[in-house]
Amino acid sequence: MLHLVSDSEPRHEANGSAHWENKRLLLARLLLSTEEVLGCAQNGAWDSVIELERERQQELKECFDGVQESNSPVIVEALATLLHMNGEITKLVQQAKEKLVNEQSNFEARKSVVSNYEQVSAE
């Protein structure tokens, strides 16, 4: 996972070390939350994914609202990691959606066959 606890501060941070420390902690928490969502998606725990994603959206807002553009290597790396994990989550959601559509189609087909059989049997 991304290393967000280095002791060095970026030179361009004007708000001091407290601001930088808070930002690193928010990013670390956000990355952990994203990993948790990804793990639940990989395990097919979709109810957990929904609940955790709601919480993660709040963390995203808290972490990035009002943030000026930053060239900090830590922030750039964290964003790249978040984008990668988001891509993986999206891919898993799409696969699950396709699976559900196929299952629904198969169910409808079997239902139609049973209905036809019942009609023929009744005659």
Protein backbone atom coordinates (compact mmCIF):
# COMPACT_ATOMS: atom_id res chain seq x y z
CA MET A 1 0.00 0.00 0.00
CA LEU A 2 0.98 3.60 -0.40
CA HIS A 3 3.38 4.91 2.25
CA LEU A 4 1.81 8.08 3.64
CA VAL A 5 3.72 8.56 6.83
CA SER A 6 7.06 9.93 5.68
CA ASP A 7 8.64 12.50 7.96
CA SER A 8 9.39 14.97 5.20
CA GLU A 9 7.00 17.77 4.37
CA PRO A 10 6.64 19.13 0.89
CA ARG A 11 8.42 22.47 0.59
CA HIS A 12 5.43 24.20 -1.03
CA GLU A 13 3.07 23.64 1.93
CA ALA A 14 2.36 27.08 3.34
CA ASN A 15 -0.02 26.03 6.13
CA GLY A 16 2.55 24.20 8.23
CA SER A 17 3.05 20.69 9.40
CA ALA A 18 -0.32 20.32 11.15
CA HIS A 19 -2.16 20.79 7.85
CA TRP A 20 0.15 18.35 6.10
CA GLU A 21 -0.21 15.74 8.87
CA ASN A 22 -4.01 16.03 8.75
CA LYS A 23 -4.00 15.62 4.97
CA ARG A 24 -1.79 12.52 5.19
CA LEU A 25 -4.08 10.97 7.79
CA LEU A 26 -7.18 11.69 5.69
CA LEU A 27 -5.53 10.17 2.63
CA ALA A 28 -4.44 7.11 4.58
CA ARG A 29 -7.96 6.61 5.96
CA LEU A 30 -9.43 7.06 2.48
CA LEU A 31 -7.06 4.50 0.99
CA LEU A 32 -7.91 1.99 3.72
CA SER A 33 -11.62 2.57 3.17
CA THR A 34 -11.18 2.06 -0.55
CA GLU A 35 -9.28 -1.18 0.06
CA GLU A 36 -12.11 -2.34 2.31
CA VAL A 37 -14.72 -1.58 -0.38
CA LEU A 38 -12.60 -3.43 -2.94
CA GLY A 39 -12.25 -6.44 -0.63
CA CYS A 40 -16.00 -6.61 -0.09
CA ALA A 41 -16.60 -6.32 -3.84
CA GLN A 42 -14.12 -9.12 -4.49
CA ASN A 43 -16.02 -11.29 -2.01
CA GLY A 44 -19.41 -10.39 -3.46
CA ALA A 45 -20.55 -8.69 -0.24
CA TRP A 46 -22.62 -6.10 -2.10
CA ASP A 47 -24.63 -4.89 0.89
CA SER A 48 -21.36 -4.06 2.63
CA VAL A 49 -20.05 -2.40 -0.53
CA ILE A 50 -23.08 -0.10 -0.61
CA GLU A 51 -22.75 0.84 3.07
CA LEU A 52 -18.99 1.33 2.95
CA GLU A 53 -19.19 3.33 -0.27
CA ARG A 54 -21.55 5.81 1.39
CA GLU A 55 -19.00 6.31 4.15
CA ARG A 56 -16.16 6.52 1.64
CA GLN A 57 -17.94 9.23 -0.34
CA GLN A 58 -18.02 11.35 2.82
CA GLU A 59 -14.31 10.71 3.35
CA LEU A 60 -13.59 11.73 -0.26
CA LYS A 61 -15.47 14.95 0.26
CA GLU A 62 -13.71 15.65 3.54
CA CYS A 63 -10.32 14.90 2.04
CA PHE A 64 -10.59 16.87 -1.19
CA ASP A 65 -13.16 19.64 -0.70
CA GLY A 66 -11.48 23.01 -0.79
CA VAL A 67 -8.10 21.53 -1.67
CA GLN A 68 -6.09 23.65 -4.00
CA GLU A 69 -4.27 21.94 -6.82
CA SER A 70 -1.29 20.12 -5.40
CA ASN A 71 1.80 18.67 -6.98
CA SER A 72 2.76 16.85 -3.80
CA PRO A 73 4.14 13.41 -4.71
CA VAL A 74 2.18 11.87 -1.84
CA ILE A 75 -1.12 13.30 -3.05
CA VAL A 76 -0.38 12.39 -6.66
CA GLU A 77 0.50 8.83 -5.64
CA ALA A 78 -2.58 8.56 -3.43
CA LEU A 79 -4.80 9.74 -6.29
CA ALA A 80 -3.22 7.23 -8.66
CA THR A 81 -3.81 4.45 -6.12
CA LEU A 82 -7.41 5.57 -5.57
CA LEU A 83 -8.05 5.67 -9.31
CA HIS A 84 -6.63 2.17 -9.73
CA MET A 85 -8.74 0.74 -6.90
CA ASN A 86 -11.83 2.58 -8.15
CA GLY A 87 -11.26 0.99 -11.56
CA GLU A 88 -11.09 -2.44 -9.95
CA ILE A 89 -14.28 -1.79 -7.96
CA THR A 90 -16.07 -0.57 -11.09
CA LYS A 91 -14.96 -3.66 -13.01
CA LEU A 92 -16.25 -5.97 -10.26
CA VAL A 93 -19.57 -4.12 -10.08
CA GLN A 94 -19.95 -4.39 -13.87
CA GLN A 95 -19.18 -8.13 -13.76
CA ALA A 96 -21.73 -8.64 -10.98
CA LYS A 97 -24.31 -6.67 -12.95
CA GLU A 98 -23.72 -8.78 -16.06
CA LYS A 99 -24.01 -11.95 -13.97
CA LEU A 100 -27.34 -10.78 -12.53
CA VAL A 101 -28.66 -9.90 -16.00
CA ASN A 102 -27.69 -13.38 -17.25
CA GLU A 103 -29.25 -15.05 -14.22
CA GLN A 104 -32.46 -13.05 -14.73
CA SER A 105 -32.57 -14.03 -18.41
CA ASN A 106 -32.04 -17.68 -17.54
CA PHE A 107 -34.74 -17.48 -14.88
CA GLU A 108 -37.20 -15.93 -17.34
CA ALA A 109 -36.41 -18.61 -19.92
CA ARG A 110 -36.96 -21.42 -17.39
CA LYS A 111 -40.16 -19.76 -16.21
CA SER A 112 -41.43 -19.67 -19.78
CA VAL A 113 -40.61 -23.34 -20.31
CA VAL A 114 -42.40 -24.32 -17.09
CA SER A 115 -45.41 -22.22 -18.08
CA ASN A 116 -45.56 -23.88 -21.51
CA TYR A 117 -45.23 -27.33 -19.93
CA GLU A 118 -48.06 -26.58 -17.50
CA GLN A 119 -50.30 -25.43 -20.35
CA VAL A 120 -49.58 -28.58 -22.39
CA SER A 121 -50.11 -30.79 -19.32
CA ALA A 122 -53.45 -29.16 -18.56
CA GLU A 123 -54.80 -29.86 -22.04
